[in-house]
Amino acid sequence: MTNTPKAKPKNLGEVEQAVMDHVWSHGPVSAEQCREALAAERPMKESTIRTVLRRLEEKGYVRHEVEGRTF
């Protein structure tokens, strides 16, 4: 996932904000890298992080590419 840092938007939930903070600070990351990085504070299943990332994509905050089986 990639994105450019922006001011913290008000239309994001807590989990979405945590994911965006990680993406903004680490640049392009895979869903698995993001899930692992947030696991200590917010344990999530793979399907959950993918859902959060899809919602962020629908809102226009991120975009994704699929490389093999990597989201």
N, C-alpha and C. Protein backbone atom coordinates (compact mmCIF):
# COMPACT_ATOMS: atom_id res chain seq x y z
N MET A 1 0.85 -1.17 0.00
CA MET A 1 0.00 0.00 0.00
C MET A 1 0.90 1.23 0.00
N THR A 2 0.49 2.24 -0.70
CA THR A 2 1.27 3.48 -0.74
C THR A 2 0.36 4.66 -0.51
N ASN A 3 0.96 5.73 -0.04
CA ASN A 3 0.21 6.96 0.16
C ASN A 3 1.18 8.07 0.52
N THR A 4 0.69 9.30 0.44
CA THR A 4 1.46 10.47 0.82
C THR A 4 0.93 10.99 2.15
N PRO A 5 1.80 11.34 3.10
CA PRO A 5 1.31 11.83 4.39
C PRO A 5 0.39 13.03 4.25
N LYS A 6 -0.67 13.03 5.06
CA LYS A 6 -1.64 14.12 5.08
C LYS A 6 -1.99 14.41 6.53
N ALA A 7 -2.69 15.50 6.76
CA ALA A 7 -3.18 15.79 8.10
C ALA A 7 -4.14 14.67 8.49
N LYS A 8 -4.23 14.37 9.79
CA LYS A 8 -5.10 13.30 10.23
C LYS A 8 -6.55 13.62 9.91
N PRO A 9 -7.16 12.82 9.06
CA PRO A 9 -8.55 13.05 8.69
C PRO A 9 -9.51 12.66 9.81
N LYS A 10 -10.68 13.29 9.82
CA LYS A 10 -11.66 13.03 10.85
C LYS A 10 -12.58 11.88 10.51
N ASN A 11 -12.57 11.43 9.26
CA ASN A 11 -13.50 10.38 8.85
C ASN A 11 -12.93 8.97 8.97
N LEU A 12 -11.83 8.80 9.70
CA LEU A 12 -11.25 7.48 9.87
C LEU A 12 -11.51 6.96 11.29
N GLY A 13 -11.79 5.67 11.37
CA GLY A 13 -11.95 5.03 12.66
C GLY A 13 -10.59 4.81 13.30
N GLU A 14 -10.59 4.31 14.53
CA GLU A 14 -9.33 4.08 15.26
C GLU A 14 -8.39 3.14 14.53
N VAL A 15 -8.91 2.02 14.07
CA VAL A 15 -8.07 1.03 13.39
C VAL A 15 -7.58 1.58 12.06
N GLU A 16 -8.47 2.24 11.32
CA GLU A 16 -8.06 2.84 10.05
C GLU A 16 -6.96 3.87 10.28
N GLN A 17 -7.09 4.67 11.32
CA GLN A 17 -6.07 5.68 11.63
C GLN A 17 -4.74 5.03 11.98
N ALA A 18 -4.78 3.95 12.75
CA ALA A 18 -3.54 3.24 13.12
C ALA A 18 -2.86 2.69 11.87
N VAL A 19 -3.65 2.14 10.96
CA VAL A 19 -3.08 1.61 9.71
C VAL A 19 -2.49 2.74 8.89
N MET A 20 -3.21 3.85 8.75
CA MET A 20 -2.70 4.98 7.97
C MET A 20 -1.43 5.56 8.59
N ASP A 21 -1.39 5.65 9.90
CA ASP A 21 -0.17 6.15 10.57
C ASP A 21 1.02 5.27 10.20
N HIS A 22 0.80 3.96 10.18
CA HIS A 22 1.89 3.04 9.81
C HIS A 22 2.29 3.22 8.34
N VAL A 23 1.30 3.30 7.46
CA VAL A 23 1.60 3.48 6.03
C VAL A 23 2.32 4.79 5.80
N TRP A 24 1.86 5.86 6.43
CA TRP A 24 2.49 7.17 6.25
C TRP A 24 3.92 7.18 6.77
N SER A 25 4.19 6.47 7.84
CA SER A 25 5.55 6.50 8.39
C SER A 25 6.50 5.50 7.75
N HIS A 26 5.98 4.46 7.09
CA HIS A 26 6.84 3.43 6.51
C HIS A 26 6.77 3.31 4.99
N GLY A 27 5.93 4.11 4.36
CA GLY A 27 5.84 4.05 2.91
C GLY A 27 5.14 2.80 2.44
N PRO A 28 5.40 2.37 1.22
CA PRO A 28 4.71 1.19 0.68
C PRO A 28 4.95 -0.04 1.56
N VAL A 29 3.86 -0.69 1.96
CA VAL A 29 3.94 -1.90 2.78
C VAL A 29 2.92 -2.91 2.28
N SER A 30 3.18 -4.16 2.55
CA SER A 30 2.21 -5.20 2.23
C SER A 30 1.20 -5.27 3.36
N ALA A 31 0.08 -5.92 3.09
CA ALA A 31 -0.93 -6.10 4.13
C ALA A 31 -0.34 -6.88 5.30
N GLU A 32 0.46 -7.90 5.00
CA GLU A 32 1.08 -8.71 6.05
C GLU A 32 2.08 -7.89 6.87
N GLN A 33 2.88 -7.06 6.23
CA GLN A 33 3.83 -6.21 6.97
C GLN A 33 3.08 -5.26 7.90
N CYS A 34 1.99 -4.72 7.42
CA CYS A 34 1.19 -3.80 8.22
C CYS A 34 0.57 -4.55 9.40
N ARG A 35 0.02 -5.72 9.16
CA ARG A 35 -0.59 -6.53 10.21
C ARG A 35 0.43 -6.88 11.29
N GLU A 36 1.62 -7.30 10.87
CA GLU A 36 2.66 -7.66 11.82
C GLU A 36 3.12 -6.46 12.65
N ALA A 37 3.24 -5.31 12.00
CA ALA A 37 3.70 -4.11 12.70
C ALA A 37 2.70 -3.65 13.76
N LEU A 38 1.42 -3.88 13.51
CA LEU A 38 0.39 -3.43 14.44
C LEU A 38 -0.03 -4.52 15.43
N ALA A 39 0.52 -5.72 15.29
CA ALA A 39 0.09 -6.87 16.09
C ALA A 39 0.23 -6.66 17.60
N ALA A 40 1.26 -5.97 18.04
CA ALA A 40 1.45 -5.79 19.48
C ALA A 40 0.33 -4.95 20.09
N GLU A 41 -0.10 -3.91 19.37
CA GLU A 41 -1.14 -3.02 19.88
C GLU A 41 -2.53 -3.43 19.44
N ARG A 42 -2.64 -3.94 18.22
CA ARG A 42 -3.94 -4.29 17.63
C ARG A 42 -3.83 -5.60 16.87
N PRO A 43 -3.93 -6.72 17.57
CA PRO A 43 -3.86 -8.00 16.86
C PRO A 43 -5.03 -8.14 15.88
N MET A 44 -4.72 -8.52 14.65
CA MET A 44 -5.75 -8.68 13.62
C MET A 44 -5.46 -9.92 12.79
N LYS A 45 -6.52 -10.52 12.28
CA LYS A 45 -6.35 -11.62 11.33
C LYS A 45 -6.03 -11.01 9.98
N GLU A 46 -5.49 -11.83 9.09
CA GLU A 46 -5.15 -11.35 7.75
C GLU A 46 -6.37 -10.77 7.03
N SER A 47 -7.51 -11.43 7.18
CA SER A 47 -8.72 -10.95 6.50
C SER A 47 -9.15 -9.58 7.04
N THR A 48 -8.91 -9.33 8.31
CA THR A 48 -9.29 -8.04 8.92
C THR A 48 -8.46 -6.91 8.36
N ILE A 49 -7.14 -7.09 8.28
CA ILE A 49 -6.28 -6.02 7.77
C ILE A 49 -6.59 -5.76 6.29
N ARG A 50 -6.91 -6.80 5.55
CA ARG A 50 -7.26 -6.61 4.14
C ARG A 50 -8.56 -5.82 4.01
N THR A 51 -9.52 -6.09 4.89
CA THR A 51 -10.78 -5.35 4.88
C THR A 51 -10.53 -3.88 5.20
N VAL A 52 -9.72 -3.62 6.21
CA VAL A 52 -9.40 -2.23 6.57
C VAL A 52 -8.71 -1.53 5.40
N LEU A 53 -7.78 -2.20 4.77
CA LEU A 53 -7.07 -1.59 3.64
C LEU A 53 -8.00 -1.36 2.45
N ARG A 54 -8.93 -2.26 2.23
CA ARG A 54 -9.90 -2.06 1.14
C ARG A 54 -10.79 -0.85 1.43
N ARG A 55 -11.20 -0.70 2.67
CA ARG A 55 -12.02 0.47 3.04
C ARG A 55 -11.23 1.76 2.85
N LEU A 56 -9.95 1.73 3.23
CA LEU A 56 -9.11 2.91 3.04
C LEU A 56 -8.93 3.20 1.56
N GLU A 57 -8.87 2.16 0.75
CA GLU A 57 -8.75 2.35 -0.69
C GLU A 57 -10.04 2.97 -1.24
N GLU A 58 -11.19 2.50 -0.78
CA GLU A 58 -12.47 3.06 -1.22
C GLU A 58 -12.58 4.54 -0.85
N LYS A 59 -11.98 4.92 0.28
CA LYS A 59 -12.01 6.32 0.73
C LYS A 59 -10.94 7.16 0.03
N GLY A 60 -10.06 6.51 -0.74
CA GLY A 60 -9.05 7.24 -1.51
C GLY A 60 -7.75 7.49 -0.78
N TYR A 61 -7.51 6.81 0.33
CA TYR A 61 -6.29 7.04 1.09
C TYR A 61 -5.11 6.19 0.64
N VAL A 62 -5.39 5.01 0.11
CA VAL A 62 -4.32 4.11 -0.34
C VAL A 62 -4.73 3.50 -1.67
N ARG A 63 -3.79 2.85 -2.30
CA ARG A 63 -4.07 2.03 -3.47
C ARG A 63 -3.25 0.76 -3.31
N HIS A 64 -3.64 -0.27 -4.03
CA HIS A 64 -2.91 -1.52 -3.86
C HIS A 64 -2.51 -2.13 -5.19
N GLU A 65 -1.53 -2.98 -5.08
CA GLU A 65 -1.06 -3.81 -6.19
C GLU A 65 -0.98 -5.23 -5.66
N VAL A 66 -1.18 -6.18 -6.53
CA VAL A 66 -1.05 -7.57 -6.13
C VAL A 66 0.20 -8.12 -6.80
N GLU A 67 1.09 -8.65 -5.99
CA GLU A 67 2.33 -9.27 -6.50
C GLU A 67 2.27 -10.74 -6.08
N GLY A 68 1.93 -11.60 -7.03
CA GLY A 68 1.75 -13.01 -6.69
C GLY A 68 0.56 -13.14 -5.77
N ARG A 69 0.79 -13.60 -4.55
CA ARG A 69 -0.28 -13.72 -3.58
C ARG A 69 -0.22 -12.61 -2.53
N THR A 70 0.65 -11.63 -2.74
CA THR A 70 0.83 -10.55 -1.77
C THR A 70 -0.05 -9.37 -2.11
N PHE A 71 -0.81 -8.89 -1.14
CA PHE A 71 -1.70 -7.75 -1.28
C PHE A 71 -1.00 -6.52 -0.77
